[in-house]
């Protein structure tokens, strides 16, 4: 849970900026958007498998830098 302490001498804009940074760092907004709608377990699994495959393909094809050097 994001929690900041605001000093009396600190401008409100600066405190809001710190709060936004903290929320972004903790991934609260991302988590909220992910849980906004129900997603079937099979859909979650398919998305995870697809991302893993994409990472593996990128890793195996990315060794030469994408250029054919002859």
PDB file of N, CA and C in Angstrom:
ATOM      1  N   UNK A   1       0.841  -1.172   0.000  1.00  0.00           N
ATOM      2  CA  UNK A   1       0.000   0.000   0.000  1.00  0.00           C
ATOM      3  C   UNK A   1       0.888   1.238   0.000  1.00  0.00           C
ATOM      4  N   UNK A   2       0.609   2.152  -0.894  1.00  0.00           N
ATOM      5  CA  UNK A   2       1.396   3.368  -1.014  1.00  0.00           C
ATOM      6  C   UNK A   2       1.039   4.327   0.117  1.00  0.00           C
ATOM      7  N   UNK A   3       2.070   4.843   0.762  1.00  0.00           N
ATOM      8  CA  UNK A   3       1.857   5.746   1.880  1.00  0.00           C
ATOM      9  C   UNK A   3       2.988   6.756   1.894  1.00  0.00           C
ATOM     10  N   UNK A   4       2.653   8.044   1.899  1.00  0.00           N
ATOM     11  CA  UNK A   4       3.679   9.076   1.995  1.00  0.00           C
ATOM     12  C   UNK A   4       3.335   9.993   3.158  1.00  0.00           C
ATOM     13  N   UNK A   5       4.352  10.612   3.717  1.00  0.00           N
ATOM     14  CA  UNK A   5       4.166  11.574   4.794  1.00  0.00           C
ATOM     15  C   UNK A   5       4.428  12.953   4.214  1.00  0.00           C
ATOM     16  N   UNK A   6       3.450  13.831   4.341  1.00  0.00           N
ATOM     17  CA  UNK A   6       3.549  15.182   3.788  1.00  0.00           C
ATOM     18  C   UNK A   6       3.907  16.145   4.910  1.00  0.00           C
ATOM     19  N   UNK A   7       5.004  16.873   4.706  1.00  0.00           N
ATOM     20  CA  UNK A   7       5.443  17.876   5.668  1.00  0.00           C
ATOM     21  C   UNK A   7       4.636  19.153   5.442  1.00  0.00           C
ATOM     22  N   UNK A   8       4.469  19.964   6.471  1.00  0.00           N
ATOM     23  CA  UNK A   8       3.696  21.208   6.344  1.00  0.00           C
ATOM     24  C   UNK A   8       4.347  22.183   5.368  1.00  0.00           C
ATOM     25  N   UNK A   9       5.668  22.164   5.297  1.00  0.00           N
ATOM     26  CA  UNK A   9       6.362  23.114   4.428  1.00  0.00           C
ATOM     27  C   UNK A   9       6.481  22.615   2.993  1.00  0.00           C
ATOM     28  N   UNK A  10       6.081  21.354   2.742  1.00  0.00           N
ATOM     29  CA  UNK A  10       6.209  20.779   1.403  1.00  0.00           C
ATOM     30  C   UNK A  10       5.022  21.192   0.529  1.00  0.00           C
ATOM     31  N   UNK A  11       5.296  21.655  -0.686  1.00  0.00           N
ATOM     32  CA  UNK A  11       4.185  22.002  -1.589  1.00  0.00           C
ATOM     33  C   UNK A  11       3.352  20.767  -1.938  1.00  0.00           C
ATOM     34  N   UNK A  12       2.059  20.990  -2.109  1.00  0.00           N
ATOM     35  CA  UNK A  12       1.136  19.894  -2.392  1.00  0.00           C
ATOM     36  C   UNK A  12       1.473  19.207  -3.710  1.00  0.00           C
ATOM     37  N   UNK A  13       1.869  19.992  -4.727  1.00  0.00           N
ATOM     38  CA  UNK A  13       2.206  19.426  -6.031  1.00  0.00           C
ATOM     39  C   UNK A  13       3.371  18.437  -5.931  1.00  0.00           C
ATOM     40  N   UNK A  14       4.341  18.785  -5.105  1.00  0.00           N
ATOM     41  CA  UNK A  14       5.511  17.922  -4.931  1.00  0.00           C
ATOM     42  C   UNK A  14       5.111  16.615  -4.234  1.00  0.00           C
ATOM     43  N   UNK A  15       4.213  16.707  -3.252  1.00  0.00           N
ATOM     44  CA  UNK A  15       3.747  15.517  -2.538  1.00  0.00           C
ATOM     45  C   UNK A  15       2.951  14.608  -3.478  1.00  0.00           C
ATOM     46  N   UNK A  16       2.136  15.210  -4.327  1.00  0.00           N
ATOM     47  CA  UNK A  16       1.364  14.423  -5.288  1.00  0.00           C
ATOM     48  C   UNK A  16       2.294  13.729  -6.269  1.00  0.00           C
ATOM     49  N   UNK A  17       3.333  14.424  -6.705  1.00  0.00           N
ATOM     50  CA  UNK A  17       4.308  13.841  -7.628  1.00  0.00           C
ATOM     51  C   UNK A  17       5.011  12.644  -6.979  1.00  0.00           C
ATOM     52  N   UNK A  18       5.395  12.786  -5.702  1.00  0.00           N
ATOM     53  CA  UNK A  18       6.029  11.673  -4.986  1.00  0.00           C
ATOM     54  C   UNK A  18       5.074  10.489  -4.869  1.00  0.00           C
ATOM     55  N   UNK A  19       3.802  10.798  -4.578  1.00  0.00           N
ATOM     56  CA  UNK A  19       2.801   9.740  -4.448  1.00  0.00           C
ATOM     57  C   UNK A  19       2.615   8.993  -5.770  1.00  0.00           C
ATOM     58  N   UNK A  20       2.525   9.732  -6.870  1.00  0.00           N
ATOM     59  CA  UNK A  20       2.363   9.104  -8.190  1.00  0.00           C
ATOM     60  C   UNK A  20       3.554   8.211  -8.521  1.00  0.00           C
ATOM     61  N   UNK A  21       4.756   8.680  -8.218  1.00  0.00           N
ATOM     62  CA  UNK A  21       5.955   7.874  -8.460  1.00  0.00           C
ATOM     63  C   UNK A  21       5.931   6.585  -7.644  1.00  0.00           C
ATOM     64  N   UNK A  22       5.519   6.686  -6.384  1.00  0.00           N
ATOM     65  CA  UNK A  22       5.456   5.529  -5.504  1.00  0.00           C
ATOM     66  C   UNK A  22       4.423   4.519  -6.002  1.00  0.00           C
ATOM     67  N   UNK A  23       3.266   5.015  -6.426  1.00  0.00           N
ATOM     68  CA  UNK A  23       2.214   4.142  -6.948  1.00  0.00           C
ATOM     69  C   UNK A  23       2.695   3.438  -8.209  1.00  0.00           C
ATOM     70  N   UNK A  24       3.376   4.168  -9.086  1.00  0.00           N
ATOM     71  CA  UNK A  24       3.906   3.577 -10.324  1.00  0.00           C
ATOM     72  C   UNK A  24       4.964   2.528 -10.006  1.00  0.00           C
ATOM     73  N   UNK A  25       5.826   2.829  -9.046  1.00  0.00           N
ATOM     74  CA  UNK A  25       6.903   1.905  -8.678  1.00  0.00           C
ATOM     75  C   UNK A  25       6.348   0.602  -8.106  1.00  0.00           C
ATOM     76  N   UNK A  26       5.294   0.698  -7.303  1.00  0.00           N
ATOM     77  CA  UNK A  26       4.705  -0.487  -6.704  1.00  0.00           C
ATOM     78  C   UNK A  26       3.794  -1.244  -7.660  1.00  0.00           C
ATOM     79  N   UNK A  27       3.449  -0.656  -8.798  1.00  0.00           N
ATOM     80  CA  UNK A  27       2.633  -1.339  -9.795  1.00  0.00           C
ATOM     81  C   UNK A  27       1.163  -1.438  -9.434  1.00  0.00           C
ATOM     82  N   UNK A  28       0.674  -0.506  -8.660  1.00  0.00           N
ATOM     83  CA  UNK A  28      -0.711  -0.553  -8.202  1.00  0.00           C
ATOM     84  C   UNK A  28      -1.678  -0.322  -9.363  1.00  0.00           C
ATOM     85  N   UNK A  29      -1.398   0.647 -10.217  1.00  0.00           N
ATOM     86  CA  UNK A  29      -2.280   0.944 -11.343  1.00  0.00           C
ATOM     87  C   UNK A  29      -2.303  -0.231 -12.316  1.00  0.00           C
ATOM     88  N   UNK A  30      -1.136  -0.799 -12.588  1.00  0.00           N
ATOM     89  CA  UNK A  30      -1.039  -1.943 -13.504  1.00  0.00           C
ATOM     90  C   UNK A  30      -1.852  -3.118 -12.960  1.00  0.00           C
ATOM     91  N   UNK A  31      -1.733  -3.351 -11.654  1.00  0.00           N
ATOM     92  CA  UNK A  31      -2.472  -4.443 -11.015  1.00  0.00           C
ATOM     93  C   UNK A  31      -3.971  -4.196 -11.073  1.00  0.00           C
ATOM     94  N   UNK A  32      -4.376  -2.952 -10.866  1.00  0.00           N
ATOM     95  CA  UNK A  32      -5.799  -2.609 -10.923  1.00  0.00           C
ATOM     96  C   UNK A  32      -6.352  -2.873 -12.314  1.00  0.00           C
ATOM     97  N   UNK A  33      -5.645  -2.423 -13.332  1.00  0.00           N
ATOM     98  CA  UNK A  33      -6.113  -2.618 -14.709  1.00  0.00           C
ATOM     99  C   UNK A  33      -6.171  -4.098 -15.066  1.00  0.00           C
ATOM    100  N   UNK A  34      -5.243  -4.871 -14.526  1.00  0.00           N
ATOM    101  CA  UNK A  34      -5.226  -6.305 -14.793  1.00  0.00           C
ATOM    102  C   UNK A  34      -6.430  -6.988 -14.154  1.00  0.00           C
ATOM    103  N   UNK A  35      -6.837  -6.530 -12.987  1.00  0.00           N
ATOM    104  CA  UNK A  35      -7.942  -7.165 -12.255  1.00  0.00           C
ATOM    105  C   UNK A  35      -9.282  -6.479 -12.469  1.00  0.00           C
ATOM    106  N   UNK A  36      -9.335  -5.507 -13.361  1.00  0.00           N
ATOM    107  CA  UNK A  36     -10.567  -4.753 -13.564  1.00  0.00           C
ATOM    108  C   UNK A  36     -11.702  -5.654 -14.055  1.00  0.00           C
ATOM    109  N   UNK A  37     -11.403  -6.588 -14.933  1.00  0.00           N
ATOM    110  CA  UNK A  37     -12.389  -7.517 -15.458  1.00  0.00           C
ATOM    111  C   UNK A  37     -11.948  -8.944 -15.167  1.00  0.00           C
ATOM    112  N   UNK A  38     -12.924  -9.829 -15.015  1.00  0.00           N
ATOM    113  CA  UNK A  38     -12.614 -11.237 -14.768  1.00  0.00           C
ATOM    114  C   UNK A  38     -12.016 -11.845 -16.032  1.00  0.00           C
ATOM    115  N   UNK A  39     -10.973 -12.632 -15.822  1.00  0.00           N
ATOM    116  CA  UNK A  39     -10.322 -13.318 -16.926  1.00  0.00           C
ATOM    117  C   UNK A  39     -10.276 -14.807 -16.584  1.00  0.00           C
ATOM    118  N   UNK A  40     -10.746 -15.631 -17.524  1.00  0.00           N
ATOM    119  CA  UNK A  40     -10.778 -17.064 -17.270  1.00  0.00           C
ATOM    120  C   UNK A  40      -9.362 -17.583 -17.051  1.00  0.00           C
ATOM    121  N   UNK A  41      -9.196 -18.597 -16.201  1.00  0.00           N
ATOM    122  CA  UNK A  41      -7.863 -19.158 -15.953  1.00  0.00           C
ATOM    123  C   UNK A  41      -7.187 -19.663 -17.224  1.00  0.00           C
ATOM    124  N   UNK A  42      -7.967 -20.206 -18.157  1.00  0.00           N
ATOM    125  CA  UNK A  42      -7.373 -20.688 -19.409  1.00  0.00           C
ATOM    126  C   UNK A  42      -6.821 -19.520 -20.232  1.00  0.00           C
ATOM    127  N   UNK A  43      -7.496 -18.380 -20.199  1.00  0.00           N
ATOM    128  CA  UNK A  43      -7.016 -17.200 -20.917  1.00  0.00           C
ATOM    129  C   UNK A  43      -5.723 -16.682 -20.307  1.00  0.00           C
ATOM    130  N   UNK A  44      -5.653 -16.682 -18.986  1.00  0.00           N
ATOM    131  CA  UNK A  44      -4.434 -16.241 -18.297  1.00  0.00           C
ATOM    132  C   UNK A  44      -3.269 -17.149 -18.674  1.00  0.00           C
ATOM    133  N   UNK A  45      -3.521 -18.461 -18.654  1.00  0.00           N
ATOM    134  CA  UNK A  45      -2.484 -19.429 -18.992  1.00  0.00           C
ATOM    135  C   UNK A  45      -2.020 -19.262 -20.439  1.00  0.00           C
ATOM    136  N   UNK A  46      -2.972 -19.071 -21.370  1.00  0.00           N
ATOM    137  CA  UNK A  46      -2.617 -18.871 -22.775  1.00  0.00           C
ATOM    138  C   UNK A  46      -1.760 -17.625 -22.952  1.00  0.00           C
ATOM    139  N   UNK A  47      -2.112 -16.545 -22.263  1.00  0.00           N
ATOM    140  CA  UNK A  47      -1.340 -15.304 -22.388  1.00  0.00           C
ATOM    141  C   UNK A  47       0.079 -15.483 -21.850  1.00  0.00           C
ATOM    142  N   UNK A  48       0.205 -16.189 -20.719  1.00  0.00           N
ATOM    143  CA  UNK A  48       1.533 -16.430 -20.145  1.00  0.00           C
ATOM    144  C   UNK A  48       2.384 -17.289 -21.069  1.00  0.00           C
ATOM    145  N   UNK A  49       1.778 -18.357 -21.627  1.00  0.00           N
ATOM    146  CA  UNK A  49       2.515 -19.227 -22.545  1.00  0.00           C
ATOM    147  C   UNK A  49       2.952 -18.476 -23.795  1.00  0.00           C
ATOM    148  N   UNK A  50       2.080 -17.609 -24.294  1.00  0.00           N
ATOM    149  CA  UNK A  50       2.405 -16.834 -25.490  1.00  0.00           C
ATOM    150  C   UNK A  50       3.574 -15.889 -25.229  1.00  0.00           C
ATOM    151  N   UNK A  51       3.592 -15.266 -24.056  1.00  0.00           N
ATOM    152  CA  UNK A  51       4.689 -14.349 -23.740  1.00  0.00           C
ATOM    153  C   UNK A  51       6.002 -15.109 -23.550  1.00  0.00           C
ATOM    154  N   UNK A  52       5.929 -16.305 -22.956  1.00  0.00           N
ATOM    155  CA  UNK A  52       7.139 -17.116 -22.782  1.00  0.00           C
ATOM    156  C   UNK A  52       7.699 -17.526 -24.137  1.00  0.00           C
ATOM    157  N   UNK A  53       6.802 -17.963 -25.048  1.00  0.00           N
ATOM    158  CA  UNK A  53       7.254 -18.340 -26.397  1.00  0.00           C
ATOM    159  C   UNK A  53       7.887 -17.161 -27.115  1.00  0.00           C
ATOM    160  N   UNK A  54       7.270 -15.994 -26.976  1.00  0.00           N
ATOM    161  CA  UNK A  54       7.790 -14.789 -27.628  1.00  0.00           C
ATOM    162  C   UNK A  54       9.187 -14.455 -27.098  1.00  0.00           C
ATOM    163  N   UNK A  55       9.384 -14.587 -25.785  1.00  0.00           N
ATOM    164  CA  UNK A  55      10.695 -14.317 -25.187  1.00  0.00           C
ATOM    165  C   UNK A  55      11.749 -15.306 -25.662  1.00  0.00           C
ATOM    166  N   UNK A  56      11.360 -16.585 -25.753  1.00  0.00           N
ATOM    167  CA  UNK A  56      12.301 -17.603 -26.221  1.00  0.00           C
ATOM    168  C   UNK A  56      12.706 -17.364 -27.671  1.00  0.00           C
ATOM    169  N   UNK A  57      11.740 -17.025 -28.518  1.00  0.00           N
ATOM    170  CA  UNK A  57      12.045 -16.745 -29.922  1.00  0.00           C
ATOM    171  C   UNK A  57      12.967 -15.548 -30.032  1.00  0.00           C
ATOM    172  N   UNK A  58      12.685 -14.518 -29.264  1.00  0.00           N
ATOM    173  CA  UNK A  58      13.521 -13.319 -29.286  1.00  0.00           C
ATOM    174  C   UNK A  58      14.938 -13.637 -28.811  1.00  0.00           C
ATOM    175  N   UNK A  59      15.032 -14.485 -27.798  1.00  0.00           N
ATOM    176  CA  UNK A  59      16.339 -14.845 -27.257  1.00  0.00           C
ATOM    177  C   UNK A  59      17.149 -15.665 -28.262  1.00  0.00           C
ATOM    178  N   UNK A  60      16.527 -16.629 -28.928  1.00  0.00           N
ATOM    179  CA  UNK A  60      17.255 -17.494 -29.866  1.00  0.00           C
ATOM    180  C   UNK A  60      17.598 -16.767 -31.159  1.00  0.00           C
ATOM    181  N   UNK A  61      16.721 -15.876 -31.622  1.00  0.00           N
ATOM    182  CA  UNK A  61      16.976 -15.174 -32.876  1.00  0.00           C
ATOM    183  C   UNK A  61      17.822 -13.915 -32.692  1.00  0.00           C
ATOM    184  N   UNK A  62      17.935 -13.441 -31.479  1.00  0.00           N
ATOM    185  CA  UNK A  62      18.620 -12.178 -31.233  1.00  0.00           C
ATOM    186  C   UNK A  62      20.112 -12.282 -31.013  1.00  0.00           C
ATOM    187  N   UNK A  63      20.689 -13.470 -31.130  1.00  0.00           N
ATOM    188  CA  UNK A  63      22.123 -13.632 -30.834  1.00  0.00           C
ATOM    189  C   UNK A  63      23.020 -12.970 -31.865  1.00  0.00           C
ATOM    190  N   UNK A  64      22.635 -12.992 -33.131  1.00  0.00           N
ATOM    191  CA  UNK A  64      23.469 -12.413 -34.178  1.00  0.00           C
ATOM    192  C   UNK A  64      23.205 -10.928 -34.348  1.00  0.00           C
ATOM    193  N   UNK A  65      22.290 -10.392 -33.582  1.00  0.00           N
ATOM    194  CA  UNK A  65      21.976  -8.980 -33.699  1.00  0.00           C
ATOM    195  C   UNK A  65      21.006  -8.701 -34.817  1.00  0.00           C
ATOM    196  N   UNK A  66      20.471  -9.726 -35.452  1.00  0.00           N
ATOM    197  CA  UNK A  66      19.484  -9.537 -36.504  1.00  0.00           C
ATOM    198  C   UNK A  66      20.071  -9.224 -37.856  1.00  0.00           C
ATOM    199  N   UNK A  67      21.386  -9.245 -37.991  1.00  0.00           N
ATOM    200  CA  UNK A  67      22.004  -8.918 -39.274  1.00  0.00           C
ATOM    201  C   UNK A  67      22.736 -10.141 -39.797  1.00  0.00           C
ATOM    202  N   UNK A  68      22.680 -10.324 -41.084  1.00  0.00           N
ATOM    203  CA  UNK A  68      23.422 -11.405 -41.720  1.00  0.00           C
ATOM    204  C   UNK A  68      24.773 -10.871 -42.146  1.00  0.00           C
ATOM    205  N   UNK A  69      25.792 -11.326 -41.490  1.00  0.00           N
ATOM    206  CA  UNK A  69      27.146 -10.866 -41.822  1.00  0.00           C
ATOM    207  C   UNK A  69      27.866 -11.950 -42.600  1.00  0.00           C
ATOM    208  N   UNK A  70      28.222 -11.646 -43.839  1.00  0.00           N
ATOM    209  CA  UNK A  70      28.919 -12.602 -44.699  1.00  0.00           C
ATOM    210  C   UNK A  70      30.301 -12.099 -45.017  1.00  0.00           C
TER     211      UNK A  70
END
